[in-house]
C-alpha cells in the first residue's frame, strides 16, 4: 500500500482499517541517569484499528512470568526488557491476527 501524504494515509485507514495497527511504547525517563544509553523500554501496546483490540507487553507482566520479585525488577531490567522485546517480536512475526 503506497501512501504519499497524510491525507492519503487517513483515507487508507478509513477504507481499510483491518490493515492497520497502532503501536505505543513507553520507556523510562529520557533524562534519567543512564550513562547516555537509550532508556529501557517498559511497555508496548498494539491496538488493531478495526477492532480496537489491544495486546500489551509490560515489564511488570514479564517480570511476573520470569518469577522476578517486584523489588528486583530494576536490577534485572536488561533481562526483563530483552524478554519483552522477544515477545513483541514473536507477536509481530507470528501473531498479528490475535489482536
N, C-alpha and C. Protein backbone atom coordinates (compact mmCIF):
# COMPACT_ATOMS: atom_id res chain seq x y z
N UNK A 1 0.85 -1.16 0.00
CA UNK A 1 0.00 0.00 0.00
C UNK A 1 0.90 1.23 0.00
N UNK A 2 0.75 2.06 -0.99
CA UNK A 2 1.58 3.26 -1.11
C UNK A 2 0.80 4.47 -0.60
N UNK A 3 1.43 5.21 0.30
CA UNK A 3 0.81 6.40 0.88
C UNK A 3 1.76 7.56 0.65
N UNK A 4 1.26 8.61 -0.03
CA UNK A 4 2.13 9.73 -0.40
C UNK A 4 2.05 10.91 0.56
N UNK A 5 0.96 11.05 1.27
CA UNK A 5 0.87 12.17 2.19
C UNK A 5 -0.10 11.84 3.32
N UNK A 6 -0.20 12.73 4.27
CA UNK A 6 -1.04 12.49 5.44
C UNK A 6 -2.50 12.30 5.11
N UNK A 7 -3.00 13.04 4.15
CA UNK A 7 -4.42 12.93 3.78
C UNK A 7 -4.70 11.54 3.19
N UNK A 8 -3.81 11.07 2.33
CA UNK A 8 -3.98 9.72 1.78
C UNK A 8 -3.88 8.66 2.87
N UNK A 9 -3.01 8.88 3.83
CA UNK A 9 -2.85 7.95 4.94
C UNK A 9 -4.17 7.81 5.70
N UNK A 10 -4.80 8.93 6.03
CA UNK A 10 -6.08 8.90 6.75
C UNK A 10 -7.14 8.20 5.91
N UNK A 11 -7.18 8.48 4.63
CA UNK A 11 -8.16 7.81 3.74
C UNK A 11 -7.94 6.30 3.73
N UNK A 12 -6.69 5.88 3.68
CA UNK A 12 -6.40 4.44 3.67
C UNK A 12 -6.85 3.78 4.98
N UNK A 13 -6.64 4.45 6.09
CA UNK A 13 -7.11 3.91 7.36
C UNK A 13 -8.63 3.79 7.35
N UNK A 14 -9.31 4.82 6.87
CA UNK A 14 -10.78 4.79 6.83
C UNK A 14 -11.30 3.70 5.89
N UNK A 15 -10.64 3.49 4.77
CA UNK A 15 -11.09 2.48 3.80
C UNK A 15 -10.74 1.06 4.20
N UNK A 16 -9.59 0.89 4.84
CA UNK A 16 -9.09 -0.46 5.16
C UNK A 16 -8.58 -0.53 6.60
N UNK A 17 -9.43 -0.28 7.58
CA UNK A 17 -8.95 -0.28 8.96
C UNK A 17 -8.39 -1.62 9.41
N UNK A 18 -8.79 -2.68 8.76
CA UNK A 18 -8.29 -4.01 9.12
C UNK A 18 -6.80 -4.18 8.83
N UNK A 19 -6.22 -3.29 8.04
CA UNK A 19 -4.80 -3.38 7.69
C UNK A 19 -3.89 -2.59 8.63
N UNK A 20 -4.46 -1.93 9.62
CA UNK A 20 -3.65 -1.01 10.44
C UNK A 20 -3.65 -1.38 11.92
N UNK A 21 -2.49 -1.21 12.52
CA UNK A 21 -2.31 -1.36 13.95
C UNK A 21 -1.65 -0.08 14.46
N UNK A 22 -2.03 0.32 15.65
CA UNK A 22 -1.37 1.46 16.30
C UNK A 22 -0.44 0.87 17.36
N UNK A 23 0.77 1.35 17.41
CA UNK A 23 1.74 0.86 18.39
C UNK A 23 2.18 2.03 19.25
N UNK A 24 2.11 1.81 20.55
CA UNK A 24 2.57 2.81 21.51
C UNK A 24 3.57 2.13 22.43
N UNK A 25 4.69 2.81 22.67
CA UNK A 25 5.63 2.25 23.63
C UNK A 25 5.96 3.31 24.66
N UNK A 26 6.39 2.85 25.81
CA UNK A 26 6.85 3.78 26.83
C UNK A 26 8.20 3.30 27.33
N UNK A 27 8.94 4.24 27.87
CA UNK A 27 10.27 3.93 28.36
C UNK A 27 10.52 4.70 29.65
N UNK A 28 11.58 4.34 30.29
CA UNK A 28 11.99 5.11 31.46
C UNK A 28 12.29 6.53 31.02
N UNK A 29 12.36 7.43 31.95
CA UNK A 29 12.61 8.82 31.62
C UNK A 29 13.82 9.01 30.72
N UNK A 30 13.67 9.85 29.74
CA UNK A 30 14.77 10.12 28.81
C UNK A 30 15.95 10.78 29.49
N UNK A 31 15.70 11.42 30.63
CA UNK A 31 16.76 12.18 31.29
C UNK A 31 17.22 11.52 32.58
N UNK A 32 16.80 10.26 32.80
CA UNK A 32 17.29 9.54 33.98
C UNK A 32 18.80 9.35 33.87
N UNK A 33 19.43 9.12 34.97
CA UNK A 33 20.86 8.86 34.99
C UNK A 33 21.11 7.48 34.38
N UNK A 34 21.42 7.44 33.10
CA UNK A 34 21.59 6.16 32.41
C UNK A 34 22.87 6.10 31.59
N UNK A 35 23.85 6.87 31.97
CA UNK A 35 25.16 6.85 31.30
C UNK A 35 25.06 7.08 29.80
N UNK A 36 24.12 7.93 29.38
CA UNK A 36 23.93 8.30 27.97
C UNK A 36 23.49 7.12 27.10
N UNK A 37 22.93 6.09 27.71
CA UNK A 37 22.40 4.97 26.95
C UNK A 37 20.92 5.21 26.66
N UNK A 38 20.38 4.50 25.70
CA UNK A 38 18.95 4.61 25.42
C UNK A 38 18.17 4.13 26.63
N UNK A 39 17.07 4.80 26.96
CA UNK A 39 16.28 4.36 28.10
C UNK A 39 15.62 3.01 27.84
N UNK A 40 15.42 2.27 28.90
CA UNK A 40 14.82 0.95 28.84
C UNK A 40 13.35 1.04 28.44
N UNK A 41 12.92 0.22 27.50
CA UNK A 41 11.50 0.15 27.15
C UNK A 41 10.77 -0.56 28.27
N UNK A 42 9.69 0.04 28.75
CA UNK A 42 8.95 -0.54 29.87
C UNK A 42 7.61 -1.13 29.47
N UNK A 43 7.08 -0.74 28.31
CA UNK A 43 5.84 -1.35 27.84
C UNK A 43 5.62 -1.05 26.36
N UNK A 44 4.88 -1.94 25.72
CA UNK A 44 4.47 -1.77 24.33
C UNK A 44 3.02 -2.21 24.24
N UNK A 45 2.18 -1.39 23.62
CA UNK A 45 0.78 -1.74 23.40
C UNK A 45 0.50 -1.65 21.91
N UNK A 46 -0.22 -2.65 21.40
CA UNK A 46 -0.57 -2.71 19.98
C UNK A 46 -2.09 -2.80 19.89
N UNK A 47 -2.70 -1.86 19.18
CA UNK A 47 -4.16 -1.87 19.02
C UNK A 47 -4.49 -2.05 17.54
N UNK A 48 -5.34 -3.02 17.25
CA UNK A 48 -5.83 -3.23 15.89
C UNK A 48 -6.88 -2.16 15.62
N UNK A 49 -6.67 -1.38 14.59
CA UNK A 49 -7.51 -0.22 14.33
C UNK A 49 -8.97 -0.60 14.12
N UNK A 50 -9.24 -1.67 13.37
CA UNK A 50 -10.61 -2.04 13.04
C UNK A 50 -11.39 -2.55 14.24
N UNK A 51 -10.76 -3.33 15.08
CA UNK A 51 -11.47 -3.98 16.19
C UNK A 51 -11.26 -3.30 17.53
N UNK A 52 -10.24 -2.44 17.62
CA UNK A 52 -9.85 -1.78 18.86
C UNK A 52 -9.37 -2.77 19.92
N UNK A 53 -9.07 -4.00 19.54
CA UNK A 53 -8.49 -4.96 20.47
C UNK A 53 -7.03 -4.61 20.68
N UNK A 54 -6.60 -4.72 21.94
CA UNK A 54 -5.24 -4.33 22.30
C UNK A 54 -4.51 -5.49 22.95
N UNK A 55 -3.25 -5.63 22.57
CA UNK A 55 -2.34 -6.57 23.20
C UNK A 55 -1.23 -5.71 23.80
N UNK A 56 -0.83 -6.03 25.02
CA UNK A 56 0.23 -5.23 25.62
C UNK A 56 1.30 -6.11 26.24
N UNK A 57 2.48 -5.55 26.28
CA UNK A 57 3.65 -6.19 26.88
C UNK A 57 4.21 -5.17 27.86
N UNK A 58 4.41 -5.57 29.10
CA UNK A 58 4.95 -4.63 30.08
C UNK A 58 6.01 -5.30 30.92
N UNK A 59 6.91 -4.47 31.45
CA UNK A 59 7.99 -5.05 32.24
C UNK A 59 7.47 -5.75 33.48
N UNK A 60 6.38 -5.27 34.08
CA UNK A 60 5.85 -5.93 35.27
C UNK A 60 5.23 -7.29 34.93
N UNK A 61 4.53 -7.39 33.81
CA UNK A 61 3.95 -8.69 33.45
C UNK A 61 5.05 -9.68 33.05
N UNK A 62 6.07 -9.19 32.37
CA UNK A 62 7.20 -10.06 32.00
C UNK A 62 7.93 -10.53 33.26
N UNK A 63 8.14 -9.62 34.20
CA UNK A 63 8.80 -9.99 35.46
C UNK A 63 8.00 -11.07 36.19
N UNK A 64 6.68 -10.96 36.16
CA UNK A 64 5.84 -12.00 36.77
C UNK A 64 6.06 -13.34 36.09
N UNK A 65 6.08 -13.33 34.76
CA UNK A 65 6.32 -14.57 34.00
C UNK A 65 7.67 -15.19 34.37
N UNK A 66 8.66 -14.32 34.59
CA UNK A 66 10.01 -14.79 34.91
C UNK A 66 10.20 -15.03 36.42
N UNK A 67 9.14 -14.83 37.20
CA UNK A 67 9.18 -15.02 38.66
C UNK A 67 10.21 -14.10 39.32
N UNK A 68 10.28 -12.87 38.83
CA UNK A 68 11.19 -11.88 39.40
C UNK A 68 10.38 -11.03 40.38
N UNK A 69 10.78 -10.98 41.64
CA UNK A 69 10.06 -10.14 42.61
C UNK A 69 10.08 -8.67 42.20
N UNK A 70 9.03 -7.95 42.53
CA UNK A 70 8.89 -6.53 42.16
C UNK A 70 10.13 -5.72 42.57
N UNK A 71 10.67 -5.99 43.75
CA UNK A 71 11.82 -5.23 44.25
C UNK A 71 13.08 -5.49 43.43
N UNK A 72 13.12 -6.57 42.64
CA UNK A 72 14.30 -6.92 41.86
C UNK A 72 14.20 -6.54 40.38
N UNK A 73 13.05 -6.02 39.96
CA UNK A 73 12.84 -5.72 38.54
C UNK A 73 13.87 -4.74 38.01
N UNK A 74 14.08 -3.65 38.71
CA UNK A 74 15.00 -2.63 38.21
C UNK A 74 16.42 -3.18 38.05
N UNK A 75 16.87 -3.99 38.98
CA UNK A 75 18.21 -4.56 38.90
C UNK A 75 18.36 -5.58 37.78
N UNK A 76 17.24 -6.12 37.32
CA UNK A 76 17.28 -7.11 36.23
C UNK A 76 16.58 -6.57 34.98
N UNK A 77 16.61 -5.25 34.83
CA UNK A 77 15.86 -4.61 33.75
C UNK A 77 16.32 -5.05 32.36
N UNK A 78 17.61 -5.32 32.18
CA UNK A 78 18.07 -5.78 30.86
C UNK A 78 17.42 -7.11 30.49
N UNK A 79 17.37 -8.02 31.44
CA UNK A 79 16.76 -9.33 31.21
C UNK A 79 15.26 -9.19 30.91
N UNK A 80 14.59 -8.34 31.68
CA UNK A 80 13.15 -8.13 31.51
C UNK A 80 12.88 -7.46 30.16
N UNK A 81 13.66 -6.44 29.83
CA UNK A 81 13.46 -5.74 28.55
C UNK A 81 13.71 -6.67 27.38
N UNK A 82 14.73 -7.49 27.44
CA UNK A 82 15.01 -8.44 26.36
C UNK A 82 13.84 -9.38 26.16
N UNK A 83 13.29 -9.92 27.23
CA UNK A 83 12.15 -10.82 27.12
C UNK A 83 10.93 -10.10 26.55
N UNK A 84 10.70 -8.86 27.00
CA UNK A 84 9.59 -8.06 26.49
C UNK A 84 9.72 -7.89 24.98
N UNK A 85 10.91 -7.53 24.53
CA UNK A 85 11.14 -7.31 23.09
C UNK A 85 11.05 -8.62 22.30
N UNK A 86 11.48 -9.72 22.89
CA UNK A 86 11.36 -11.01 22.21
C UNK A 86 9.89 -11.39 22.04
N UNK A 87 9.09 -11.16 23.08
CA UNK A 87 7.67 -11.48 22.99
C UNK A 87 6.97 -10.57 21.99
N UNK A 88 7.34 -9.29 21.96
CA UNK A 88 6.80 -8.36 20.98
C UNK A 88 7.15 -8.81 19.56
N UNK A 89 8.41 -9.17 19.36
CA UNK A 89 8.84 -9.64 18.04
C UNK A 89 8.06 -10.88 17.62
N UNK A 90 7.89 -11.82 18.52
CA UNK A 90 7.13 -13.03 18.20
C UNK A 90 5.70 -12.67 17.81
N UNK A 91 5.09 -11.76 18.54
CA UNK A 91 3.74 -11.33 18.21
C UNK A 91 3.69 -10.73 16.81
N UNK A 92 4.61 -9.83 16.52
CA UNK A 92 4.63 -9.19 15.20
C UNK A 92 4.87 -10.22 14.11
N UNK A 93 5.77 -11.13 14.36
CA UNK A 93 6.12 -12.14 13.36
C UNK A 93 5.02 -13.17 13.16
N UNK A 94 4.46 -13.66 14.27
CA UNK A 94 3.54 -14.81 14.21
C UNK A 94 2.09 -14.51 14.54
N UNK A 95 1.84 -13.48 15.33
CA UNK A 95 0.51 -13.40 15.91
C UNK A 95 -0.29 -12.15 15.66
N UNK A 96 -0.09 -11.45 14.56
CA UNK A 96 -0.83 -10.22 14.33
C UNK A 96 -2.33 -10.45 14.28
N UNK A 97 -2.75 -11.62 13.89
CA UNK A 97 -4.18 -11.90 13.81
C UNK A 97 -4.81 -12.10 15.18
N UNK A 98 -4.01 -12.09 16.25
CA UNK A 98 -4.54 -12.26 17.59
C UNK A 98 -4.96 -10.95 18.22
N UNK A 99 -4.86 -9.89 17.48
CA UNK A 99 -5.20 -8.57 18.01
C UNK A 99 -6.32 -7.98 17.17
